[in-house]
Amino acid sequence: MELKKFFGGALHVDISNIPTYYEALLNTLAIAILAIFISAILGFFFALYFKYTIVRVSLAFTRAIHELFWALLFLQIFGLNTLTALLAIILPYSATLGKVYAEILEEHDSFPKELHVKGKISAFLYTKLPDAMPYLISYTLYRFECALKSTAILGFIGLMTLGYFLQGAFMQGNYGEVWLLLILFYIIIATLRFWFTKYSTPFLIVASFFYLDFVSGFSMENLTRFLTHDIIPSPLRKEQGFEVLFNWFSNIATHELIPGVLNTIVLTQIALIVTALIALLCFPFISKKFSNLPTRFGGGILLVILRSTPEYILAYLFLQIWGPSMLPAVLALALHNGAIIGFIMGQQTNELKLRIDTTKKKIELFGFEVLPRIYSSFLAFLFYRWEVIMRESAILGILGIHTLGFFIDSAIADIRLDKVVILLFFTAMLNILVDYISRRVRSYLRISTTINCELK
């Protein structure tokens, strides 16, 4: 019934309400633009020193914590303002960009021996950097699209972006307004290449800088209290001794940490399997090897919508229909990530050259000709998305699913920031472990793929 109401809302979109969302729309764009600009600068700096263990470990820890978790943490320090939103995106994004920039630069590290360039700086500026620049720009543009999604989602925790109105419309059952906001968001994503260009970017960065208010609500007293009091374990603050501290941590581990980790892992693995199935089912619908033009057009639109809609928004929608359980989370994660992998695989199959004697039967073509040739890439894409799915599985706990995010959100609601820090630490460690296993499995299976803008 609720699903019928949701799709019925698409027939009651009132475009006259668009002016209501101007401020939220501008905030979404300005925060995302400024955040990706600062993240790119920091990421490039980190990439230059990525060979050092301390840098790699620090970046791995920072990017392992979802931007919504960072936002919830910074809310306690800076309040509901622009600085909270910017820091929540800049921290994980600069860490991610630093890692990927370093990998891209490493891939463009070999040049003909006949090319003699004196000095490391000259060699970097005149050989490696120009060669890698198109790939650096391509990935940065992809991360900007992700930043737009992240900024919109921050509205669900009270920041004035598109997600703020989207959550209100969901809660009121005003699905016509929900569709209007989603359409506005899809238009922003779809037209990105036209309004975010090398000519407009400098102007947009300067305009965003002057448009946003950074210092409103900032309090040095709150920051000092957070660092010196709030995040210190309660038994240590009260000088209650090691035994009380041990019991305090044991209670958190038994009732929150272990159940949260187990639920997060279970949700992640189920979502990963369903993601693989959806990707395998979807890619033929956008492949020239299997579908005609109308089918590819419709399939392409569907996949673009699914991969452009953040998992959090999809999960929130399904939550209204089925209530808090793993089902909404699994569907949201699988549809979003399956659409991403399916889209990439479909594009890959279009480049395949088939033999003259290839079978004309679609099922045989799928199972015995096309899939075996792209299976290595499929596994690589799937393992790349594994860490992303783990991060999203944790954060979906905010919606009532008992993953780590559920207990983190509860601790924040109770203003128990010492517990929050403990839970965030183990959340990061879990994501780092998954990333490590993913890299080892890819290495063991000898599957790899060139870095491009659609992998991360």
Protein backbone atom coordinates (compact mmCIF):
# COMPACT_ATOMS: atom_id res chain seq x y z
CA MET A 1 0.00 0.00 0.00
CA GLU A 2 2.76 2.43 0.98
CA LEU A 3 4.74 1.51 -2.15
CA LYS A 4 1.66 2.29 -4.27
CA LYS A 5 1.36 5.70 -2.59
CA PHE A 6 5.04 6.39 -3.22
CA PHE A 7 4.90 5.73 -6.97
CA GLY A 8 1.54 7.49 -7.14
CA GLY A 9 3.25 10.59 -5.79
CA ALA A 10 5.14 10.89 -9.07
CA LEU A 11 1.85 11.97 -10.64
CA HIS A 12 1.40 14.82 -8.16
CA VAL A 13 4.64 16.74 -8.50
CA ASP A 14 4.10 20.46 -7.99
CA ILE A 15 6.97 22.41 -9.58
CA SER A 16 5.64 25.65 -8.09
CA ASN A 17 7.22 24.53 -4.79
CA ILE A 18 10.75 24.66 -6.22
CA PRO A 19 11.51 28.18 -4.84
CA THR A 20 10.98 26.73 -1.34
CA TYR A 21 14.13 24.66 -1.77
CA TYR A 22 16.44 27.33 -3.22
CA GLU A 23 18.41 27.79 0.01
CA ALA A 24 18.80 24.03 0.58
CA LEU A 25 19.80 23.55 -3.06
CA LEU A 26 22.44 26.29 -2.88
CA ASN A 27 23.75 24.93 0.42
CA THR A 28 24.04 21.45 -1.08
CA LEU A 29 25.98 22.73 -4.09
CA ALA A 30 28.20 25.17 -2.17
CA ILE A 31 29.19 22.68 0.55
CA ALA A 32 29.96 19.94 -1.99
CA ILE A 33 32.01 22.29 -4.21
CA LEU A 34 34.09 23.71 -1.37
CA ALA A 35 34.51 20.30 0.30
CA ILE A 36 35.82 18.61 -2.86
CA PHE A 37 38.13 21.56 -3.58
CA ILE A 38 39.75 21.37 -0.14
CA SER A 39 39.73 17.55 -0.20
CA ALA A 40 41.52 17.49 -3.56
CA ILE A 41 44.28 19.79 -2.26
CA LEU A 42 44.75 17.76 0.91
CA GLY A 43 44.46 14.48 -0.97
CA PHE A 44 47.19 15.47 -3.42
CA PHE A 45 49.46 16.44 -0.53
CA PHE A 46 48.81 13.11 1.22
CA ALA A 47 49.48 11.23 -2.03
CA LEU A 48 53.01 12.63 -2.17
CA TYR A 49 53.78 11.05 1.22
CA PHE A 50 51.62 7.94 0.87
CA LYS A 51 54.71 5.68 0.91
CA TYR A 52 55.12 6.34 4.64
CA THR A 53 53.34 3.86 6.90
CA ILE A 54 52.02 6.49 9.29
CA VAL A 55 50.34 8.31 6.40
CA ARG A 56 48.79 5.13 4.95
CA VAL A 57 47.47 4.00 8.33
CA SER A 58 46.09 7.45 9.21
CA LEU A 59 44.30 7.77 5.87
CA ALA A 60 42.92 4.23 6.12
CA PHE A 61 41.46 4.99 9.55
CA THR A 62 39.99 8.34 8.47
CA ARG A 63 38.28 7.09 5.32
CA ALA A 64 36.96 4.00 7.12
CA ILE A 65 34.54 6.17 9.12
CA HIS A 66 31.47 7.23 7.15
CA GLU A 67 30.85 10.93 6.62
CA LEU A 68 27.54 10.68 8.51
CA PHE A 69 29.41 9.38 11.57
CA TRP A 70 31.86 12.27 11.29
CA ALA A 71 28.91 14.67 11.01
CA LEU A 72 27.21 13.23 14.10
CA LEU A 73 30.46 13.62 16.01
CA PHE A 74 31.10 17.20 14.87
CA LEU A 75 27.52 18.14 15.71
CA GLN A 76 28.45 17.77 19.35
CA ILE A 77 31.33 20.24 18.92
CA PHE A 78 30.26 22.81 16.33
CA GLY A 79 26.48 22.41 16.19
CA LEU A 80 24.26 22.48 13.11
CA ASN A 81 26.32 24.65 10.79
CA THR A 82 28.44 24.72 7.66
CA LEU A 83 31.67 23.83 9.43
CA THR A 84 30.19 20.54 10.63
CA ALA A 85 29.12 19.62 7.08
CA LEU A 86 32.45 20.60 5.52
CA LEU A 87 34.59 18.72 8.03
CA ALA A 88 32.36 15.63 7.82
CA ILE A 89 33.02 15.41 4.07
CA ILE A 90 36.59 16.72 3.90
CA LEU A 91 38.05 14.22 6.37
CA PRO A 92 37.03 10.95 4.66
CA TYR A 93 37.18 12.38 1.13
CA SER A 94 40.69 13.79 1.44
CA ALA A 95 41.82 10.40 2.80
CA THR A 96 40.18 8.57 -0.08
CA LEU A 97 41.55 10.98 -2.68
CA GLY A 98 45.02 10.70 -1.13
CA LYS A 99 44.98 6.91 -1.50
CA VAL A 100 43.63 6.91 -5.06
CA TYR A 101 45.85 9.79 -6.21
CA ALA A 102 48.87 7.86 -4.90
CA GLU A 103 47.78 4.74 -6.82
CA ILE A 104 47.23 6.73 -10.01
CA LEU A 105 50.62 8.44 -9.72
CA GLU A 106 52.25 5.09 -9.06
CA GLU A 107 50.73 3.63 -12.22
CA HIS A 108 52.30 6.48 -14.23
CA ASP A 109 55.77 6.05 -12.82
CA SER A 110 57.57 4.45 -15.75
CA PHE A 111 59.05 6.40 -18.65
CA PRO A 112 61.53 5.58 -21.42
CA LYS A 113 65.13 5.40 -20.26
CA GLU A 114 66.02 7.79 -23.05
CA LEU A 115 64.00 10.47 -21.28
CA HIS A 116 66.53 12.21 -19.06
CA VAL A 117 65.04 14.66 -16.56
CA LYS A 118 67.28 16.10 -13.88
CA GLY A 119 65.91 16.32 -10.37
CA LYS A 120 62.93 14.57 -8.75
CA ILE A 121 60.78 17.70 -8.79
CA SER A 122 61.35 18.29 -12.51
CA ALA A 123 60.70 14.62 -13.26
CA PHE A 124 57.44 14.80 -11.30
CA LEU A 125 56.22 18.07 -12.82
CA TYR A 126 57.17 17.37 -16.45
CA THR A 127 56.68 13.62 -16.80
CA LYS A 128 54.57 11.83 -14.20
CA LEU A 129 52.05 14.59 -13.35
CA PRO A 130 51.08 15.55 -16.94
CA ASP A 131 50.66 11.88 -17.81
CA ALA A 132 48.47 11.17 -14.78
CA MET A 133 46.50 14.43 -14.80
CA PRO A 134 43.53 13.22 -16.93
CA TYR A 135 43.00 10.30 -14.53
CA LEU A 136 43.34 12.53 -11.47
CA ILE A 137 40.74 14.92 -12.86
CA SER A 138 38.42 12.08 -13.86
CA TYR A 139 38.44 10.55 -10.40
CA THR A 140 38.05 13.95 -8.73
CA LEU A 141 34.92 14.59 -10.79
CA TYR A 142 33.53 11.25 -9.69
CA ARG A 143 34.24 12.10 -6.05
CA PHE A 144 32.47 15.42 -6.54
CA GLU A 145 29.36 13.53 -7.61
CA CYS A 146 29.73 11.46 -4.43
CA ALA A 147 30.18 14.67 -2.41
CA LEU A 148 26.86 15.97 -3.74
CA LYS A 149 25.18 12.77 -2.56
CA SER A 150 26.87 12.96 0.84
CA THR A 151 25.96 16.62 1.29
CA ALA A 152 22.33 15.92 0.46
CA ILE A 153 22.25 13.05 2.99
CA LEU A 154 23.58 15.33 5.75
CA GLY A 155 20.16 16.95 5.71
CA PHE A 156 18.78 13.83 7.39
CA ILE A 157 20.57 14.81 10.61
CA GLY A 158 19.33 18.40 10.54
CA LEU A 159 21.73 20.31 8.27
CA MET A 160 19.96 22.57 5.78
CA THR A 161 20.53 20.61 2.55
CA LEU A 162 18.12 18.83 0.22
CA GLY A 163 18.00 15.83 2.55
CA TYR A 164 16.45 17.98 5.28
CA PHE A 165 13.29 18.55 3.23
CA LEU A 166 13.42 15.03 1.82
CA GLN A 167 13.25 13.51 5.29
CA GLY A 168 10.36 15.80 6.25
CA ALA A 169 8.44 14.85 3.11
CA PHE A 170 9.01 11.14 3.79
CA MET A 171 7.81 11.42 7.40
CA GLN A 172 4.67 13.32 6.35
CA GLY A 173 3.91 10.88 3.53
CA ASN A 174 4.06 13.75 1.03
CA TYR A 175 5.42 11.66 -1.83
CA GLY A 176 4.75 14.30 -4.45
CA GLU A 177 7.29 16.51 -2.65
CA VAL A 178 9.64 13.53 -2.31
CA TRP A 179 9.58 13.01 -6.07
CA LEU A 180 10.13 16.71 -6.72
CA LEU A 181 13.22 16.73 -4.50
CA LEU A 182 14.56 13.51 -6.05
CA ILE A 183 14.03 14.88 -9.56
CA LEU A 184 15.90 18.07 -8.62
CA PHE A 185 18.75 15.95 -7.30
CA TYR A 186 18.83 13.76 -10.42
CA ILE A 187 18.92 16.87 -12.63
CA ILE A 188 21.92 18.20 -10.68
CA ILE A 189 23.78 14.89 -11.12
CA ALA A 190 22.79 14.44 -14.77
CA THR A 191 23.87 17.96 -15.77
CA LEU A 192 27.09 17.91 -13.76
CA ARG A 193 29.35 17.83 -16.82
CA PHE A 194 27.71 20.97 -18.21
CA TRP A 195 27.87 23.30 -15.20
CA PHE A 196 30.98 21.99 -13.41
CA THR A 197 33.65 22.59 -16.05
CA LYS A 198 37.23 23.86 -16.05
CA TYR A 199 35.88 27.32 -16.91
CA SER A 200 33.14 27.50 -14.27
CA THR A 201 34.95 25.73 -11.42
CA PRO A 202 37.07 28.73 -10.21
CA PHE A 203 33.98 30.95 -10.13
CA LEU A 204 31.92 28.30 -8.31
CA ILE A 205 34.64 27.80 -5.69
CA VAL A 206 34.94 31.54 -4.98
CA ALA A 207 31.16 31.98 -4.93
CA SER A 208 30.76 29.03 -2.53
CA PHE A 209 33.42 30.44 -0.23
CA PHE A 210 31.64 33.78 0.11
CA TYR A 211 28.15 32.25 0.22
CA LEU A 212 28.77 29.91 3.17
CA ASP A 213 28.98 31.01 6.79
CA PHE A 214 31.80 29.07 8.47
CA VAL A 215 32.02 30.46 11.98
CA SER A 216 28.38 30.65 13.02
CA GLY A 217 27.92 28.59 16.19
CA PHE A 218 31.61 27.77 16.60
CA SER A 219 32.78 27.64 20.20
CA MET A 220 36.36 27.01 21.27
CA GLU A 221 35.00 26.08 24.68
CA ASN A 222 32.99 23.20 23.16
CA LEU A 223 36.06 21.97 21.26
CA THR A 224 38.22 22.09 24.38
CA ARG A 225 35.62 20.29 26.46
CA PHE A 226 35.25 17.61 23.76
CA LEU A 227 38.99 16.90 23.60
CA THR A 228 39.74 17.08 27.32
CA HIS A 229 36.54 15.76 28.90
CA ASP A 230 33.77 14.31 26.70
CA ILE A 231 35.79 11.61 24.92
CA ILE A 232 37.66 10.48 28.05
CA PRO A 233 36.13 7.18 29.31
CA SER A 234 33.77 7.88 32.18
CA PRO A 235 35.63 5.76 34.78
CA LEU A 236 38.86 7.64 34.02
CA ARG A 237 37.15 11.01 34.37
CA LYS A 238 35.81 9.95 37.76
CA GLU A 239 39.11 8.31 38.77
CA GLN A 240 37.36 5.02 39.58
CA GLY A 241 40.28 2.71 38.82
CA PHE A 242 41.15 0.00 36.32
CA GLU A 243 38.56 -2.53 37.48
CA VAL A 244 35.66 -0.16 36.92
CA LEU A 245 37.15 0.82 33.54
CA PHE A 246 37.39 -2.85 32.56
CA ASN A 247 33.77 -3.51 33.56
CA TRP A 248 32.68 -0.38 31.68
CA PHE A 249 34.35 -1.54 28.48
CA SER A 250 33.18 -5.16 28.95
CA ASN A 251 29.59 -3.97 29.22
CA ILE A 252 29.90 -1.99 25.98
CA ALA A 253 31.61 -4.89 24.20
CA THR A 254 29.03 -7.46 25.34
CA HIS A 255 25.82 -5.54 24.75
CA GLU A 256 26.72 -3.22 21.88
CA LEU A 257 30.07 -3.76 20.21
CA ILE A 258 29.90 -7.52 19.54
CA PRO A 259 26.22 -7.56 18.45
CA GLY A 260 26.81 -4.47 16.31
CA VAL A 261 29.86 -5.97 14.60
CA LEU A 262 28.10 -9.28 13.95
CA ASN A 263 24.99 -7.60 12.53
CA THR A 264 27.13 -5.31 10.38
CA ILE A 265 29.08 -8.27 8.98
CA VAL A 266 25.93 -10.32 8.34
CA LEU A 267 24.22 -7.39 6.60
CA THR A 268 27.33 -6.66 4.54
CA GLN A 269 27.76 -10.24 3.33
CA ILE A 270 24.10 -10.68 2.42
CA ALA A 271 24.12 -7.34 0.59
CA LEU A 272 27.34 -8.29 -1.20
CA ILE A 273 25.84 -11.53 -2.54
CA VAL A 274 22.61 -9.82 -3.63
CA THR A 275 24.70 -7.04 -5.22
CA ALA A 276 26.53 -9.63 -7.32
CA LEU A 277 23.26 -11.21 -8.45
CA ILE A 278 21.70 -7.85 -9.36
CA ALA A 279 24.81 -6.82 -11.31
CA LEU A 280 24.77 -10.08 -13.28
CA LEU A 281 21.07 -9.71 -14.04
CA CYS A 282 21.26 -6.02 -14.97
CA PHE A 283 24.23 -5.66 -17.29
CA PRO A 284 22.65 -7.54 -20.28
CA PHE A 285 19.90 -4.87 -20.39
CA ILE A 286 22.40 -2.14 -21.31
CA SER A 287 24.68 -4.29 -23.46
CA LYS A 288 24.59 -4.22 -27.26
CA LYS A 289 25.34 -7.95 -27.20
CA PHE A 290 21.97 -8.76 -25.61
CA SER A 291 19.49 -5.88 -25.95
CA ASN A 292 18.00 -3.62 -28.58
CA LEU A 293 18.10 0.18 -28.46
CA PRO A 294 14.80 0.79 -26.58
CA THR A 295 15.73 -1.81 -23.94
CA ARG A 296 19.21 -0.33 -23.50
CA PHE A 297 17.74 3.17 -23.19
CA GLY A 298 15.24 2.14 -20.50
CA GLY A 299 17.78 -0.03 -18.69
CA GLY A 300 20.34 2.76 -18.78
CA ILE A 301 17.93 5.25 -17.23
CA LEU A 302 16.99 2.80 -14.46
CA LEU A 303 20.63 2.04 -13.61
CA VAL A 304 21.56 5.73 -13.62
CA ILE A 305 18.72 6.49 -11.19
CA LEU A 306 19.69 3.62 -8.87
CA ARG A 307 23.40 4.44 -8.83
CA SER A 308 22.72 8.17 -8.42
CA THR A 309 20.43 7.66 -5.42
CA PRO A 310 22.42 7.28 -2.18
CA GLU A 311 21.91 4.01 -0.30
CA TYR A 312 20.72 5.96 2.74
CA ILE A 313 17.81 7.49 0.80
CA LEU A 314 16.85 4.13 -0.72
CA ALA A 315 16.96 2.51 2.71
CA TYR A 316 14.85 5.31 4.18
CA LEU A 317 12.24 4.74 1.47
CA PHE A 318 12.13 0.97 2.01
CA LEU A 319 11.99 1.57 5.76
CA GLN A 320 8.66 3.37 5.34
CA ILE A 321 7.32 0.28 3.57
CA TRP A 322 8.71 -2.68 5.54
CA GLY A 323 9.78 -1.12 8.83
CA PRO A 324 13.16 -1.45 10.59
CA SER A 325 14.79 -4.74 9.57
CA MET A 326 17.67 -5.93 7.44
CA LEU A 327 15.46 -6.18 4.34
CA PRO A 328 15.35 -2.43 3.56
CA ALA A 329 19.11 -2.17 4.13
CA VAL A 330 19.94 -5.20 1.97
CA LEU A 331 17.76 -3.96 -0.89
CA ALA A 332 19.14 -0.42 -0.69
CA LEU A 333 22.78 -1.54 -0.66
CA ALA A 334 22.31 -4.20 -3.34
CA LEU A 335 20.31 -2.03 -5.75
CA HIS A 336 22.73 0.90 -5.53
CA ASN A 337 25.97 -1.07 -5.76
CA GLY A 338 24.54 -3.64 -8.16
CA ALA A 339 23.56 -0.81 -10.50
CA ILE A 340 27.09 0.63 -10.36
CA ILE A 341 28.75 -2.72 -11.16
CA GLY A 342 26.11 -3.66 -13.72
CA PHE A 343 26.58 -0.35 -15.54
CA ILE A 344 30.36 -0.81 -15.70
CA MET A 345 30.04 -4.43 -16.86
CA GLY A 346 27.52 -3.47 -19.53
CA GLN A 347 29.91 -0.84 -20.87
CA GLN A 348 32.71 -3.41 -20.90
CA THR A 349 30.72 -5.95 -22.89
CA ASN A 350 30.14 -3.36 -25.60
CA GLU A 351 33.90 -3.36 -26.22
CA LEU A 352 34.14 -7.15 -26.60
CA LYS A 353 34.70 -8.57 -30.08
CA LEU A 354 32.91 -11.87 -30.63
CA ARG A 355 34.04 -14.66 -32.92
CA ILE A 356 32.24 -15.27 -36.21
CA ASP A 357 30.99 -18.67 -35.02
CA THR A 358 29.60 -17.32 -31.73
CA THR A 359 26.22 -18.74 -30.77
CA LYS A 360 23.13 -16.62 -31.42
CA LYS A 361 21.29 -17.91 -28.35
CA LYS A 362 21.35 -15.23 -25.67
CA ILE A 363 21.59 -17.60 -22.69
CA GLU A 364 24.53 -19.49 -24.19
CA LEU A 365 26.16 -16.23 -25.23
CA PHE A 366 25.80 -14.95 -21.67
CA GLY A 367 27.03 -18.07 -19.88
CA PHE A 368 29.74 -19.37 -22.18
CA GLU A 369 31.11 -16.40 -24.09
CA VAL A 370 30.58 -13.00 -22.46
CA LEU A 371 30.53 -13.71 -18.70
CA PRO A 372 33.74 -15.81 -18.66
CA ARG A 373 35.59 -12.99 -20.44
CA ILE A 374 34.50 -10.27 -18.01
CA TYR A 375 34.35 -12.39 -14.86
CA SER A 376 37.76 -11.27 -13.61
CA SER A 377 36.74 -7.62 -13.88
CA PHE A 378 33.40 -8.44 -12.26
CA LEU A 379 35.17 -9.89 -9.20
CA ALA A 380 37.50 -6.91 -9.04
CA PHE A 381 34.58 -4.45 -9.10
CA LEU A 382 32.72 -6.51 -6.50
CA PHE A 383 35.68 -6.58 -4.10
CA TYR A 384 36.22 -2.85 -4.60
CA ARG A 385 32.62 -2.23 -3.53
CA TRP A 386 32.92 -4.57 -0.51
CA GLU A 387 34.50 -1.90 1.69
CA VAL A 388 31.88 0.64 0.56
CA ILE A 389 29.06 -1.77 1.41
CA MET A 390 30.61 -2.36 4.85
CA ARG A 391 30.76 1.39 5.55
CA GLU A 392 27.16 1.85 4.45
CA SER A 393 25.98 -1.20 6.43
CA ALA A 394 27.32 0.38 9.59
CA ILE A 395 25.74 3.79 8.95
CA LEU A 396 22.31 2.34 8.12
CA GLY A 397 22.00 1.51 11.80
CA ILE A 398 20.91 5.11 12.27
CA LEU A 399 17.63 4.07 10.63
CA GLY A 400 16.94 1.52 13.38
CA ILE A 401 18.78 -1.54 12.06
CA HIS A 402 20.99 -2.96 14.82
CA THR A 403 24.35 -2.49 13.15
CA LEU A 404 27.17 -0.48 14.71
CA GLY A 405 25.52 2.74 13.54
CA PHE A 406 22.46 2.02 15.70
CA PHE A 407 24.54 1.90 18.88
CA ILE A 408 26.63 4.91 17.83
CA ASP A 409 23.48 6.94 17.20
CA SER A 410 22.03 5.84 20.56
CA ALA A 411 25.23 6.82 22.36
CA ILE A 412 25.18 10.26 20.72
CA ALA A 413 21.53 10.71 21.68
CA ASP A 414 22.50 9.94 25.29
CA ILE A 415 25.48 12.34 25.01
CA ARG A 416 27.91 9.54 25.84
CA LEU A 417 30.71 10.60 23.56
CA ASP A 418 33.28 8.40 25.29
CA LYS A 419 31.27 5.37 24.14
CA VAL A 420 30.89 6.90 20.68
CA VAL A 421 34.66 7.12 20.24
CA ILE A 422 35.09 3.46 21.25
CA LEU A 423 32.40 2.29 18.81
CA LEU A 424 33.78 4.47 15.99
CA PHE A 425 37.27 3.07 16.55
CA PHE A 426 36.09 -0.51 16.10
CA THR A 427 33.93 0.52 13.15
CA ALA A 428 37.04 1.88 11.46
CA MET A 429 39.04 -1.24 12.35
CA LEU A 430 36.33 -3.45 10.83
CA ASN A 431 36.41 -1.49 7.57
CA ILE A 432 40.21 -1.57 7.47
CA LEU A 433 40.11 -5.35 7.96
CA VAL A 434 37.63 -5.77 5.10
CA ASP A 435 39.78 -3.60 2.85
CA TYR A 436 42.86 -5.67 3.73
CA ILE A 437 41.07 -8.99 3.07
CA SER A 438 39.71 -7.62 -0.21
CA ARG A 439 43.18 -6.65 -1.42
CA ARG A 440 44.65 -10.02 -0.38
CA VAL A 441 41.88 -11.96 -2.12
CA ARG A 442 42.31 -9.93 -5.31
CA SER A 443 46.03 -10.56 -5.15
CA TYR A 444 45.53 -14.29 -4.52
CA LEU A 445 43.08 -14.62 -7.41
CA ARG A 446 45.32 -12.36 -9.49
CA ILE A 447 42.46 -10.09 -10.45
CA SER A 448 43.13 -6.44 -11.06
CA THR A 449 41.84 -3.59 -13.11
CA THR A 450 43.03 -0.17 -14.10
CA ILE A 451 42.00 2.59 -11.75
CA ASN A 452 39.17 4.66 -13.17
CA CYS A 453 36.53 7.02 -11.90
CA GLU A 454 33.88 4.34 -11.32
CA LEU A 455 35.66 1.92 -9.05
CA LYS A 456 35.75 3.65 -5.71
